[in-house]
Amino acid sequence: MDIKEDFYKDISFLKAGKYRIKVILDINNKLKTPKDISKSAEIPMRETSRALGELKNRGFVVVLDESAKKGRIYKLTDKGKKAIEIIMDNF
């Protein structure tokens, strides 16, 4: 399996979740807290947190301060940025 094939599996993972695409597109090139994302993407907070956890586990986003209990700031990784580029160009 090559890198390109693996990456398209990741895109399928994003599209398969009801909120993952919304969350990753909402973050885009900004620094955002889960509360910011929940408000602007109009997603329930519980679903926002779940999607962020999934996106973090798959390497699409990172938390800038893991020790923070509230108000954690998320940003896209290079993988997340590439995913947005592919989604915007193809879907």
N, C-alpha and C. Protein backbone atom coordinates (compact mmCIF):
# COMPACT_ATOMS: atom_id res chain seq x y z
N MET A 1 0.85 -1.18 0.00
CA MET A 1 0.00 0.00 0.00
C MET A 1 0.90 1.25 0.00
N ASP A 2 0.65 2.16 -0.90
CA ASP A 2 1.48 3.35 -0.97
C ASP A 2 0.89 4.49 -0.15
N ILE A 3 1.66 5.56 -0.02
CA ILE A 3 1.26 6.71 0.79
C ILE A 3 -0.03 7.32 0.27
N LYS A 4 -0.15 7.43 -1.04
CA LYS A 4 -1.35 8.03 -1.64
C LYS A 4 -2.59 7.23 -1.29
N GLU A 5 -2.50 5.91 -1.36
CA GLU A 5 -3.64 5.05 -1.03
C GLU A 5 -4.01 5.20 0.45
N ASP A 6 -3.01 5.24 1.32
CA ASP A 6 -3.27 5.45 2.75
C ASP A 6 -3.97 6.79 2.97
N PHE A 7 -3.52 7.81 2.25
CA PHE A 7 -4.11 9.13 2.45
C PHE A 7 -5.57 9.15 2.00
N TYR A 8 -5.90 8.47 0.94
CA TYR A 8 -7.30 8.43 0.51
C TYR A 8 -8.16 7.65 1.48
N LYS A 9 -7.57 6.70 2.19
CA LYS A 9 -8.30 6.03 3.26
C LYS A 9 -8.62 7.02 4.38
N ASP A 10 -7.66 7.91 4.65
CA ASP A 10 -7.90 8.95 5.66
C ASP A 10 -9.02 9.90 5.22
N ILE A 11 -9.06 10.23 3.95
CA ILE A 11 -10.13 11.10 3.44
C ILE A 11 -11.48 10.39 3.60
N SER A 12 -11.52 9.11 3.31
CA SER A 12 -12.75 8.32 3.51
C SER A 12 -13.17 8.34 4.97
N PHE A 13 -12.20 8.23 5.88
CA PHE A 13 -12.48 8.31 7.31
C PHE A 13 -13.13 9.64 7.65
N LEU A 14 -12.61 10.73 7.10
CA LEU A 14 -13.19 12.05 7.37
C LEU A 14 -14.62 12.14 6.87
N LYS A 15 -14.84 11.67 5.67
CA LYS A 15 -16.17 11.78 5.06
C LYS A 15 -17.19 10.85 5.72
N ALA A 16 -16.71 9.77 6.33
CA ALA A 16 -17.63 8.80 6.94
C ALA A 16 -18.25 9.32 8.24
N GLY A 17 -17.60 10.27 8.88
CA GLY A 17 -18.13 10.81 10.13
C GLY A 17 -19.02 12.01 9.85
N LYS A 18 -20.11 12.08 10.56
CA LYS A 18 -21.07 13.17 10.34
C LYS A 18 -20.46 14.55 10.62
N TYR A 19 -19.58 14.63 11.63
CA TYR A 19 -19.06 15.93 12.06
C TYR A 19 -17.58 16.16 11.77
N ARG A 20 -16.85 15.14 11.39
CA ARG A 20 -15.40 15.29 11.21
C ARG A 20 -15.05 16.34 10.16
N ILE A 21 -15.72 16.27 9.02
CA ILE A 21 -15.44 17.24 7.94
C ILE A 21 -15.78 18.65 8.42
N LYS A 22 -16.92 18.80 9.08
CA LYS A 22 -17.31 20.12 9.58
C LYS A 22 -16.25 20.68 10.53
N VAL A 23 -15.76 19.83 11.42
CA VAL A 23 -14.77 20.27 12.41
C VAL A 23 -13.46 20.66 11.73
N ILE A 24 -12.96 19.79 10.86
CA ILE A 24 -11.67 20.08 10.23
C ILE A 24 -11.75 21.31 9.32
N LEU A 25 -12.87 21.48 8.63
CA LEU A 25 -13.03 22.67 7.79
C LEU A 25 -13.18 23.93 8.64
N ASP A 26 -13.80 23.79 9.80
CA ASP A 26 -13.97 24.95 10.67
C ASP A 26 -12.63 25.42 11.25
N ILE A 27 -11.78 24.47 11.60
CA ILE A 27 -10.47 24.84 12.14
C ILE A 27 -9.64 25.50 11.03
N ASN A 28 -9.60 24.85 9.88
CA ASN A 28 -8.82 25.31 8.73
C ASN A 28 -7.46 25.84 9.19
N ASN A 29 -7.10 27.04 8.93
CA ASN A 29 -5.78 27.55 9.32
C ASN A 29 -5.85 28.46 10.54
N LYS A 30 -6.81 28.18 11.42
CA LYS A 30 -6.98 28.99 12.61
C LYS A 30 -6.63 28.17 13.85
N LEU A 31 -6.45 28.85 14.96
CA LEU A 31 -6.31 28.21 16.26
C LEU A 31 -7.67 28.32 16.93
N LYS A 32 -8.23 27.17 17.33
CA LYS A 32 -9.59 27.20 17.87
C LYS A 32 -9.75 26.27 19.06
N THR A 33 -10.63 26.67 19.96
CA THR A 33 -11.01 25.82 21.08
C THR A 33 -12.23 25.00 20.67
N PRO A 34 -12.50 23.92 21.39
CA PRO A 34 -13.71 23.15 21.08
C PRO A 34 -14.98 24.01 21.14
N LYS A 35 -15.04 24.92 22.09
CA LYS A 35 -16.21 25.80 22.20
C LYS A 35 -16.35 26.68 20.96
N ASP A 36 -15.25 27.23 20.47
CA ASP A 36 -15.27 28.04 19.24
C ASP A 36 -15.81 27.23 18.07
N ILE A 37 -15.30 26.01 17.94
CA ILE A 37 -15.71 25.14 16.84
C ILE A 37 -17.18 24.78 16.94
N SER A 38 -17.60 24.42 18.15
CA SER A 38 -19.00 24.04 18.38
C SER A 38 -19.95 25.17 17.97
N LYS A 39 -19.60 26.38 18.35
CA LYS A 39 -20.44 27.54 18.01
C LYS A 39 -20.45 27.83 16.51
N SER A 40 -19.27 27.96 15.93
CA SER A 40 -19.21 28.39 14.53
C SER A 40 -19.67 27.30 13.55
N ALA A 41 -19.45 26.04 13.90
CA ALA A 41 -19.86 24.95 13.00
C ALA A 41 -21.27 24.44 13.34
N GLU A 42 -21.83 24.99 14.40
CA GLU A 42 -23.18 24.61 14.84
C GLU A 42 -23.29 23.10 15.07
N ILE A 43 -22.36 22.60 15.89
CA ILE A 43 -22.30 21.19 16.26
C ILE A 43 -22.40 21.11 17.78
N PRO A 44 -23.16 20.14 18.30
CA PRO A 44 -23.21 19.99 19.76
C PRO A 44 -21.80 19.79 20.34
N MET A 45 -21.57 20.34 21.51
CA MET A 45 -20.26 20.29 22.14
C MET A 45 -19.75 18.85 22.29
N ARG A 46 -20.62 17.95 22.69
CA ARG A 46 -20.23 16.55 22.87
C ARG A 46 -19.68 15.96 21.57
N GLU A 47 -20.36 16.26 20.47
CA GLU A 47 -19.94 15.74 19.16
C GLU A 47 -18.65 16.41 18.69
N THR A 48 -18.51 17.68 19.01
CA THR A 48 -17.28 18.40 18.66
C THR A 48 -16.08 17.76 19.37
N SER A 49 -16.23 17.50 20.66
CA SER A 49 -15.15 16.89 21.43
C SER A 49 -14.80 15.50 20.91
N ARG A 50 -15.82 14.73 20.58
CA ARG A 50 -15.59 13.38 20.06
C ARG A 50 -14.86 13.45 18.73
N ALA A 51 -15.31 14.32 17.83
CA ALA A 51 -14.66 14.46 16.52
C ALA A 51 -13.22 14.92 16.67
N LEU A 52 -12.97 15.86 17.57
CA LEU A 52 -11.59 16.34 17.79
C LEU A 52 -10.69 15.21 18.28
N GLY A 53 -11.20 14.38 19.16
CA GLY A 53 -10.43 13.23 19.64
C GLY A 53 -10.07 12.28 18.51
N GLU A 54 -11.04 12.01 17.66
CA GLU A 54 -10.80 11.13 16.50
C GLU A 54 -9.80 11.75 15.54
N LEU A 55 -9.95 13.04 15.28
CA LEU A 55 -9.05 13.73 14.36
C LEU A 55 -7.63 13.78 14.93
N LYS A 56 -7.53 13.97 16.24
CA LYS A 56 -6.21 13.99 16.89
C LYS A 56 -5.56 12.61 16.79
N ASN A 57 -6.32 11.57 17.08
CA ASN A 57 -5.78 10.21 17.02
C ASN A 57 -5.29 9.83 15.63
N ARG A 58 -5.90 10.38 14.60
CA ARG A 58 -5.51 10.08 13.22
C ARG A 58 -4.48 11.07 12.66
N GLY A 59 -4.08 12.05 13.48
CA GLY A 59 -3.01 12.97 13.07
C GLY A 59 -3.43 14.16 12.23
N PHE A 60 -4.73 14.49 12.24
CA PHE A 60 -5.20 15.65 11.47
C PHE A 60 -5.09 16.96 12.24
N VAL A 61 -5.18 16.86 13.57
CA VAL A 61 -5.08 18.05 14.42
C VAL A 61 -4.14 17.75 15.59
N VAL A 62 -3.64 18.81 16.20
CA VAL A 62 -2.85 18.70 17.43
C VAL A 62 -3.40 19.68 18.45
N VAL A 63 -3.18 19.35 19.71
CA VAL A 63 -3.51 20.25 20.81
C VAL A 63 -2.23 21.00 21.15
N LEU A 64 -2.33 22.31 21.25
CA LEU A 64 -1.13 23.10 21.52
C LEU A 64 -0.67 23.00 22.97
N ASP A 65 -1.60 22.78 23.91
CA ASP A 65 -1.23 22.65 25.32
C ASP A 65 -1.99 21.46 25.91
N GLU A 66 -1.36 20.30 25.87
CA GLU A 66 -2.00 19.07 26.36
C GLU A 66 -2.36 19.14 27.84
N SER A 67 -1.66 19.95 28.61
CA SER A 67 -1.91 20.01 30.05
C SER A 67 -3.17 20.81 30.40
N ALA A 68 -3.66 21.59 29.48
CA ALA A 68 -4.87 22.39 29.75
C ALA A 68 -6.08 21.47 29.88
N LYS A 69 -6.87 21.70 30.91
CA LYS A 69 -8.08 20.90 31.11
C LYS A 69 -9.27 21.50 30.36
N LYS A 70 -9.31 22.82 30.29
CA LYS A 70 -10.38 23.52 29.57
C LYS A 70 -9.75 24.49 28.59
N GLY A 71 -10.48 24.77 27.53
CA GLY A 71 -10.01 25.77 26.57
C GLY A 71 -8.79 25.33 25.78
N ARG A 72 -8.65 24.04 25.57
CA ARG A 72 -7.52 23.55 24.76
C ARG A 72 -7.60 24.16 23.36
N ILE A 73 -6.46 24.52 22.84
CA ILE A 73 -6.41 25.12 21.51
C ILE A 73 -5.92 24.07 20.52
N TYR A 74 -6.68 23.92 19.45
CA TYR A 74 -6.38 22.96 18.40
C TYR A 74 -5.94 23.67 17.14
N LYS A 75 -5.07 23.00 16.40
CA LYS A 75 -4.70 23.50 15.07
C LYS A 75 -4.50 22.30 14.16
N LEU A 76 -4.57 22.55 12.87
CA LEU A 76 -4.37 21.49 11.89
C LEU A 76 -2.89 21.13 11.78
N THR A 77 -2.63 19.87 11.51
CA THR A 77 -1.29 19.42 11.17
C THR A 77 -1.13 19.58 9.65
N ASP A 78 0.05 19.29 9.15
CA ASP A 78 0.25 19.31 7.70
C ASP A 78 -0.69 18.31 7.03
N LYS A 79 -0.89 17.17 7.67
CA LYS A 79 -1.82 16.16 7.15
C LYS A 79 -3.23 16.73 7.08
N GLY A 80 -3.65 17.46 8.10
CA GLY A 80 -4.97 18.08 8.11
C GLY A 80 -5.12 19.12 7.03
N LYS A 81 -4.08 19.90 6.81
CA LYS A 81 -4.11 20.92 5.75
C LYS A 81 -4.22 20.28 4.37
N LYS A 82 -3.47 19.20 4.18
CA LYS A 82 -3.53 18.49 2.89
C LYS A 82 -4.91 17.89 2.68
N ALA A 83 -5.51 17.36 3.75
CA ALA A 83 -6.85 16.79 3.66
C ALA A 83 -7.86 17.85 3.23
N ILE A 84 -7.78 19.02 3.81
CA ILE A 84 -8.70 20.12 3.42
C ILE A 84 -8.51 20.46 1.95
N GLU A 85 -7.27 20.52 1.52
CA GLU A 85 -6.99 20.85 0.12
C GLU A 85 -7.65 19.81 -0.81
N ILE A 86 -7.51 18.54 -0.50
CA ILE A 86 -8.11 17.49 -1.32
C ILE A 86 -9.62 17.55 -1.27
N ILE A 87 -10.18 17.78 -0.09
CA ILE A 87 -11.64 17.84 0.05
C ILE A 87 -12.19 19.02 -0.74
N MET A 88 -11.57 20.17 -0.63
CA MET A 88 -12.05 21.36 -1.32
C MET A 88 -11.95 21.23 -2.84
N ASP A 89 -10.93 20.54 -3.30
CA ASP A 89 -10.73 20.37 -4.74
C ASP A 89 -11.59 19.28 -5.36
N ASN A 90 -12.03 18.33 -4.54
CA ASN A 90 -12.68 17.15 -5.10
C ASN A 90 -14.10 16.86 -4.63
N PHE A 91 -14.58 17.53 -3.62
CA PHE A 91 -15.90 17.16 -3.10
C PHE A 91 -16.81 18.34 -3.05
